[in-house]
């Protein structure tokens, strides 16, 4: 003999089932409201996925409202909309916070980084406030400039290497050609 108490009556279960706002119940409420206003035909716009869509439309029909048309207005995820293949638009991107990158480069790479640079005018990390080395080497200066350009345009290392290779392949000053390629293909970076 179970000691959980008496079993709920079937009428109480039916009342609970009716009280839940399932799609058919919503459709029934909408249909009764539409009938009160004198509507006999409706155009249905369906949004989202799930099994409740069809049953909600069927509920409209059983209540005497004619469904003139059904249109699915569910949004398409961006991944499905992008074509696959060599001319594909999906590419990897750097998800590091832009304020952190701006602090590392000591330059505002985005308008929202101005406030972060004003609040913390040093490099991020444990040794940022102390300064580290006094004088950077020539290699360190070149590396920081390369990283700054990469981060201004939001590129990863391999993407940047492809742009550099293309600029070196063409005739002329490769630095100017590289910046022209970047500004023609990618969005122009924020400048202070």
C-alpha atoms as a PDB file:
ATOM      1  CA  UNK A   1       0.000   0.000   0.000  1.00  0.00           C
ATOM      2  CA  UNK A   2       1.628   3.272  -1.084  1.00  0.00           C
ATOM      3  CA  UNK A   3       1.950   5.981   1.532  1.00  0.00           C
ATOM      4  CA  UNK A   4       2.056   8.912  -0.904  1.00  0.00           C
ATOM      5  CA  UNK A   5      -1.514   9.979  -0.341  1.00  0.00           C
ATOM      6  CA  UNK A   6      -4.619   9.546  -2.422  1.00  0.00           C
ATOM      7  CA  UNK A   7      -4.373   9.381  -6.195  1.00  0.00           C
ATOM      8  CA  UNK A   8      -5.667  12.486  -8.002  1.00  0.00           C
ATOM      9  CA  UNK A   9      -9.094  12.209  -9.525  1.00  0.00           C
ATOM     10  CA  UNK A  10      -9.362  11.976 -13.336  1.00  0.00           C
ATOM     11  CA  UNK A  11     -11.225  15.299 -13.406  1.00  0.00           C
ATOM     12  CA  UNK A  12      -8.322  17.008 -11.638  1.00  0.00           C
ATOM     13  CA  UNK A  13      -5.869  15.613 -14.228  1.00  0.00           C
ATOM     14  CA  UNK A  14      -8.040  16.905 -17.061  1.00  0.00           C
ATOM     15  CA  UNK A  15      -8.144  20.345 -15.438  1.00  0.00           C
ATOM     16  CA  UNK A  16      -4.329  20.349 -15.190  1.00  0.00           C
ATOM     17  CA  UNK A  17      -4.022  19.363 -18.833  1.00  0.00           C
ATOM     18  CA  UNK A  18      -6.375  22.172 -19.875  1.00  0.00           C
ATOM     19  CA  UNK A  19      -4.553  24.760 -17.764  1.00  0.00           C
ATOM     20  CA  UNK A  20      -1.195  24.238 -19.471  1.00  0.00           C
ATOM     21  CA  UNK A  21      -0.594  26.726 -22.322  1.00  0.00           C
ATOM     22  CA  UNK A  22       0.153  24.175 -25.045  1.00  0.00           C
ATOM     23  CA  UNK A  23      -0.034  25.304 -28.682  1.00  0.00           C
ATOM     24  CA  UNK A  24      -3.468  23.743 -29.346  1.00  0.00           C
ATOM     25  CA  UNK A  25      -4.864  25.482 -26.249  1.00  0.00           C
ATOM     26  CA  UNK A  26      -3.420  28.784 -27.440  1.00  0.00           C
ATOM     27  CA  UNK A  27      -4.907  28.160 -30.881  1.00  0.00           C
ATOM     28  CA  UNK A  28      -8.282  27.353 -29.312  1.00  0.00           C
ATOM     29  CA  UNK A  29      -8.200  30.582 -27.326  1.00  0.00           C
ATOM     30  CA  UNK A  30      -7.185  32.549 -30.416  1.00  0.00           C
ATOM     31  CA  UNK A  31      -9.911  30.879 -32.469  1.00  0.00           C
ATOM     32  CA  UNK A  32     -12.631  31.678 -29.934  1.00  0.00           C
ATOM     33  CA  UNK A  33     -11.440  35.279 -29.789  1.00  0.00           C
ATOM     34  CA  UNK A  34     -11.445  35.420 -33.609  1.00  0.00           C
ATOM     35  CA  UNK A  35     -14.986  34.029 -33.717  1.00  0.00           C
ATOM     36  CA  UNK A  36     -16.085  36.693 -31.226  1.00  0.00           C
ATOM     37  CA  UNK A  37     -14.852  39.312 -33.709  1.00  0.00           C
ATOM     38  CA  UNK A  38     -16.640  37.585 -36.592  1.00  0.00           C
ATOM     39  CA  UNK A  39     -13.620  36.111 -38.412  1.00  0.00           C
ATOM     40  CA  UNK A  40     -14.184  32.916 -40.359  1.00  0.00           C
ATOM     41  CA  UNK A  41     -10.910  32.728 -42.405  1.00  0.00           C
ATOM     42  CA  UNK A  42      -7.352  33.272 -41.210  1.00  0.00           C
ATOM     43  CA  UNK A  43      -3.847  33.365 -42.648  1.00  0.00           C
ATOM     44  CA  UNK A  44      -1.517  31.438 -40.327  1.00  0.00           C
ATOM     45  CA  UNK A  45       2.109  32.499 -39.751  1.00  0.00           C
ATOM     46  CA  UNK A  46       4.050  29.670 -38.092  1.00  0.00           C
ATOM     47  CA  UNK A  47       7.233  30.515 -36.190  1.00  0.00           C
ATOM     48  CA  UNK A  48       9.588  27.958 -34.633  1.00  0.00           C
ATOM     49  CA  UNK A  49       9.939  24.220 -34.815  1.00  0.00           C
ATOM     50  CA  UNK A  50       8.208  21.407 -32.975  1.00  0.00           C
ATOM     51  CA  UNK A  51       5.274  19.059 -33.046  1.00  0.00           C
ATOM     52  CA  UNK A  52       2.806  21.624 -31.701  1.00  0.00           C
ATOM     53  CA  UNK A  53       2.636  23.526 -34.978  1.00  0.00           C
ATOM     54  CA  UNK A  54       0.457  21.031 -36.851  1.00  0.00           C
ATOM     55  CA  UNK A  55      -1.836  20.324 -33.916  1.00  0.00           C
ATOM     56  CA  UNK A  56      -2.415  24.047 -33.381  1.00  0.00           C
ATOM     57  CA  UNK A  57      -3.421  24.486 -37.036  1.00  0.00           C
ATOM     58  CA  UNK A  58      -5.690  21.431 -36.793  1.00  0.00           C
ATOM     59  CA  UNK A  59      -7.309  22.950 -33.694  1.00  0.00           C
ATOM     60  CA  UNK A  60      -8.223  26.039 -35.723  1.00  0.00           C
ATOM     61  CA  UNK A  61      -9.936  23.847 -38.322  1.00  0.00           C
ATOM     62  CA  UNK A  62     -11.896  21.852 -35.754  1.00  0.00           C
ATOM     63  CA  UNK A  63     -13.279  25.065 -34.248  1.00  0.00           C
ATOM     64  CA  UNK A  64     -14.769  26.112 -37.577  1.00  0.00           C
ATOM     65  CA  UNK A  65     -12.198  28.650 -38.772  1.00  0.00           C
ATOM     66  CA  UNK A  66     -10.993  28.141 -42.344  1.00  0.00           C
ATOM     67  CA  UNK A  67      -7.227  28.355 -42.819  1.00  0.00           C
ATOM     68  CA  UNK A  68      -6.622  30.335 -46.017  1.00  0.00           C
ATOM     69  CA  UNK A  69      -2.833  30.004 -46.073  1.00  0.00           C
ATOM     70  CA  UNK A  70       0.013  28.752 -43.917  1.00  0.00           C
ATOM     71  CA  UNK A  71       3.373  30.534 -44.058  1.00  0.00           C
ATOM     72  CA  UNK A  72       6.462  29.407 -42.160  1.00  0.00           C
ATOM     73  CA  UNK A  73       8.357  32.462 -40.860  1.00  0.00           C
ATOM     74  CA  UNK A  74      10.949  30.540 -38.854  1.00  0.00           C
ATOM     75  CA  UNK A  75      14.376  32.170 -39.130  1.00  0.00           C
ATOM     76  CA  UNK A  76      17.141  30.303 -40.917  1.00  0.00           C
ATOM     77  CA  UNK A  77      20.353  29.841 -38.924  1.00  0.00           C
ATOM     78  CA  UNK A  78      23.359  31.594 -40.470  1.00  0.00           C
ATOM     79  CA  UNK A  79      25.331  28.362 -40.731  1.00  0.00           C
ATOM     80  CA  UNK A  80      22.748  26.882 -43.087  1.00  0.00           C
ATOM     81  CA  UNK A  81      22.567  30.044 -45.207  1.00  0.00           C
ATOM     82  CA  UNK A  82      26.309  30.202 -45.938  1.00  0.00           C
ATOM     83  CA  UNK A  83      27.420  28.240 -49.003  1.00  0.00           C
ATOM     84  CA  UNK A  84      30.002  25.492 -48.530  1.00  0.00           C
ATOM     85  CA  UNK A  85      33.024  25.055 -50.719  1.00  0.00           C
ATOM     86  CA  UNK A  86      36.045  27.091 -51.808  1.00  0.00           C
ATOM     87  CA  UNK A  87      34.066  30.339 -52.067  1.00  0.00           C
ATOM     88  CA  UNK A  88      32.580  29.792 -48.595  1.00  0.00           C
ATOM     89  CA  UNK A  89      32.176  32.760 -46.283  1.00  0.00           C
ATOM     90  CA  UNK A  90      32.653  30.978 -42.972  1.00  0.00           C
ATOM     91  CA  UNK A  91      36.111  31.499 -41.648  1.00  0.00           C
ATOM     92  CA  UNK A  92      37.715  31.282 -38.279  1.00  0.00           C
ATOM     93  CA  UNK A  93      37.958  34.439 -36.207  1.00  0.00           C
ATOM     94  CA  UNK A  94      39.636  35.619 -33.060  1.00  0.00           C
ATOM     95  CA  UNK A  95      37.223  35.641 -30.120  1.00  0.00           C
ATOM     96  CA  UNK A  96      39.603  37.299 -27.647  1.00  0.00           C
ATOM     97  CA  UNK A  97      38.000  40.416 -26.089  1.00  0.00           C
ATOM     98  CA  UNK A  98      38.849  43.511 -28.155  1.00  0.00           C
ATOM     99  CA  UNK A  99      39.666  45.567 -25.050  1.00  0.00           C
ATOM    100  CA  UNK A 100      42.269  43.015 -23.989  1.00  0.00           C
ATOM    101  CA  UNK A 101      43.811  43.047 -27.472  1.00  0.00           C
ATOM    102  CA  UNK A 102      43.802  46.851 -27.464  1.00  0.00           C
ATOM    103  CA  UNK A 103      45.542  46.963 -24.107  1.00  0.00           C
ATOM    104  CA  UNK A 104      48.174  44.535 -25.399  1.00  0.00           C
ATOM    105  CA  UNK A 105      48.840  46.705 -28.450  1.00  0.00           C
ATOM    106  CA  UNK A 106      48.533  49.973 -26.465  1.00  0.00           C
ATOM    107  CA  UNK A 107      46.175  51.253 -29.214  1.00  0.00           C
ATOM    108  CA  UNK A 108      42.375  51.458 -29.352  1.00  0.00           C
ATOM    109  CA  UNK A 109      41.365  48.826 -31.931  1.00  0.00           C
ATOM    110  CA  UNK A 110      37.650  49.554 -31.376  1.00  0.00           C
ATOM    111  CA  UNK A 111      35.651  52.497 -29.959  1.00  0.00           C
ATOM    112  CA  UNK A 112      34.753  50.557 -26.813  1.00  0.00           C
ATOM    113  CA  UNK A 113      38.457  49.991 -26.115  1.00  0.00           C
ATOM    114  CA  UNK A 114      39.068  53.706 -25.454  1.00  0.00           C
ATOM    115  CA  UNK A 115      37.464  53.471 -22.008  1.00  0.00           C
ATOM    116  CA  UNK A 116      39.428  50.313 -21.164  1.00  0.00           C
ATOM    117  CA  UNK A 117      42.708  51.927 -22.175  1.00  0.00           C
ATOM    118  CA  UNK A 118      41.946  55.002 -20.085  1.00  0.00           C
ATOM    119  CA  UNK A 119      41.112  52.865 -17.040  1.00  0.00           C
ATOM    120  CA  UNK A 120      44.080  50.467 -17.436  1.00  0.00           C
ATOM    121  CA  UNK A 121      46.853  52.146 -19.488  1.00  0.00           C
ATOM    122  CA  UNK A 122      49.129  49.118 -19.205  1.00  0.00           C
ATOM    123  CA  UNK A 123      49.370  45.678 -20.822  1.00  0.00           C
ATOM    124  CA  UNK A 124      47.043  42.922 -19.582  1.00  0.00           C
ATOM    125  CA  UNK A 125      48.335  40.175 -17.347  1.00  0.00           C
ATOM    126  CA  UNK A 126      50.371  39.722 -14.207  1.00  0.00           C
ATOM    127  CA  UNK A 127      53.397  41.752 -15.346  1.00  0.00           C
ATOM    128  CA  UNK A 128      51.469  44.414 -17.273  1.00  0.00           C
ATOM    129  CA  UNK A 129      51.569  47.208 -14.675  1.00  0.00           C
ATOM    130  CA  UNK A 130      55.288  46.737 -13.976  1.00  0.00           C
ATOM    131  CA  UNK A 131      56.273  47.246 -17.596  1.00  0.00           C
ATOM    132  CA  UNK A 132      58.575  44.273 -18.259  1.00  0.00           C
ATOM    133  CA  UNK A 133      61.660  45.031 -20.388  1.00  0.00           C
ATOM    134  CA  UNK A 134      62.861  48.594 -20.669  1.00  0.00           C
ATOM    135  CA  UNK A 135      63.745  48.675 -24.370  1.00  0.00           C
ATOM    136  CA  UNK A 136      62.106  46.317 -26.879  1.00  0.00           C
ATOM    137  CA  UNK A 137      64.313  44.725 -29.518  1.00  0.00           C
ATOM    138  CA  UNK A 138      63.887  45.429 -33.233  1.00  0.00           C
ATOM    139  CA  UNK A 139      62.214  42.043 -33.649  1.00  0.00           C
ATOM    140  CA  UNK A 140      59.773  42.846 -30.820  1.00  0.00           C
ATOM    141  CA  UNK A 141      58.839  46.145 -32.479  1.00  0.00           C
ATOM    142  CA  UNK A 142      58.201  44.440 -35.836  1.00  0.00           C
ATOM    143  CA  UNK A 143      56.196  41.665 -34.170  1.00  0.00           C
ATOM    144  CA  UNK A 144      54.007  44.179 -32.300  1.00  0.00           C
ATOM    145  CA  UNK A 145      53.293  46.077 -35.554  1.00  0.00           C
ATOM    146  CA  UNK A 146      52.377  42.842 -37.341  1.00  0.00           C
ATOM    147  CA  UNK A 147      50.097  41.787 -34.473  1.00  0.00           C
ATOM    148  CA  UNK A 148      48.498  45.241 -34.447  1.00  0.00           C
ATOM    149  CA  UNK A 149      47.594  45.045 -38.156  1.00  0.00           C
ATOM    150  CA  UNK A 150      46.322  41.479 -37.715  1.00  0.00           C
ATOM    151  CA  UNK A 151      44.100  42.511 -34.829  1.00  0.00           C
ATOM    152  CA  UNK A 152      42.858  45.684 -36.537  1.00  0.00           C
ATOM    153  CA  UNK A 153      41.435  43.577 -39.359  1.00  0.00           C
ATOM    154  CA  UNK A 154      40.399  40.643 -37.140  1.00  0.00           C
ATOM    155  CA  UNK A 155      42.564  38.068 -38.910  1.00  0.00           C
ATOM    156  CA  UNK A 156      44.202  34.928 -37.624  1.00  0.00           C
ATOM    157  CA  UNK A 157      47.817  34.036 -38.388  1.00  0.00           C
ATOM    158  CA  UNK A 158      47.119  31.765 -41.366  1.00  0.00           C
ATOM    159  CA  UNK A 159      44.715  34.263 -42.965  1.00  0.00           C
ATOM    160  CA  UNK A 160      47.256  37.047 -42.494  1.00  0.00           C
ATOM    161  CA  UNK A 161      50.022  34.870 -43.973  1.00  0.00           C
ATOM    162  CA  UNK A 162      47.906  34.334 -47.125  1.00  0.00           C
ATOM    163  CA  UNK A 163      47.445  38.096 -47.525  1.00  0.00           C
ATOM    164  CA  UNK A 164      51.199  38.678 -47.059  1.00  0.00           C
ATOM    165  CA  UNK A 165      52.011  35.966 -49.600  1.00  0.00           C
ATOM    166  CA  UNK A 166      49.630  37.535 -52.135  1.00  0.00           C
ATOM    167  CA  UNK A 167      51.165  40.979 -51.546  1.00  0.00           C
ATOM    168  CA  UNK A 168      54.694  39.627 -52.017  1.00  0.00           C
ATOM    169  CA  UNK A 169      53.642  37.894 -55.255  1.00  0.00           C
ATOM    170  CA  UNK A 170      52.528  41.162 -56.840  1.00  0.00           C
ATOM    171  CA  UNK A 171      54.978  43.756 -58.124  1.00  0.00           C
ATOM    172  CA  UNK A 172      55.489  46.946 -56.145  1.00  0.00           C
ATOM    173  CA  UNK A 173      55.846  47.843 -52.480  1.00  0.00           C
ATOM    174  CA  UNK A 174      54.510  44.756 -50.699  1.00  0.00           C
ATOM    175  CA  UNK A 175      53.546  46.676 -47.528  1.00  0.00           C
ATOM    176  CA  UNK A 176      51.335  49.118 -49.438  1.00  0.00           C
ATOM    177  CA  UNK A 177      49.869  46.328 -51.573  1.00  0.00           C
ATOM    178  CA  UNK A 178      49.073  44.310 -48.442  1.00  0.00           C
ATOM    179  CA  UNK A 179      47.247  47.229 -46.803  1.00  0.00           C
ATOM    180  CA  UNK A 180      45.347  47.905 -50.044  1.00  0.00           C
ATOM    181  CA  UNK A 181      44.303  44.236 -50.206  1.00  0.00           C
ATOM    182  CA  UNK A 182      43.168  44.294 -46.594  1.00  0.00           C
ATOM    183  CA  UNK A 183      41.205  47.529 -46.908  1.00  0.00           C
ATOM    184  CA  UNK A 184      39.494  46.388 -50.121  1.00  0.00           C
ATOM    185  CA  UNK A 185      38.450  42.962 -48.797  1.00  0.00           C
ATOM    186  CA  UNK A 186      37.984  43.519 -45.068  1.00  0.00           C
ATOM    187  CA  UNK A 187      36.205  46.317 -43.217  1.00  0.00           C
ATOM    188  CA  UNK A 188      38.398  49.318 -42.573  1.00  0.00           C
ATOM    189  CA  UNK A 189      39.559  49.267 -38.952  1.00  0.00           C
ATOM    190  CA  UNK A 190      38.641  51.793 -36.309  1.00  0.00           C
ATOM    191  CA  UNK A 191      41.034  54.739 -36.162  1.00  0.00           C
ATOM    192  CA  UNK A 192      41.418  57.076 -33.217  1.00  0.00           C
END
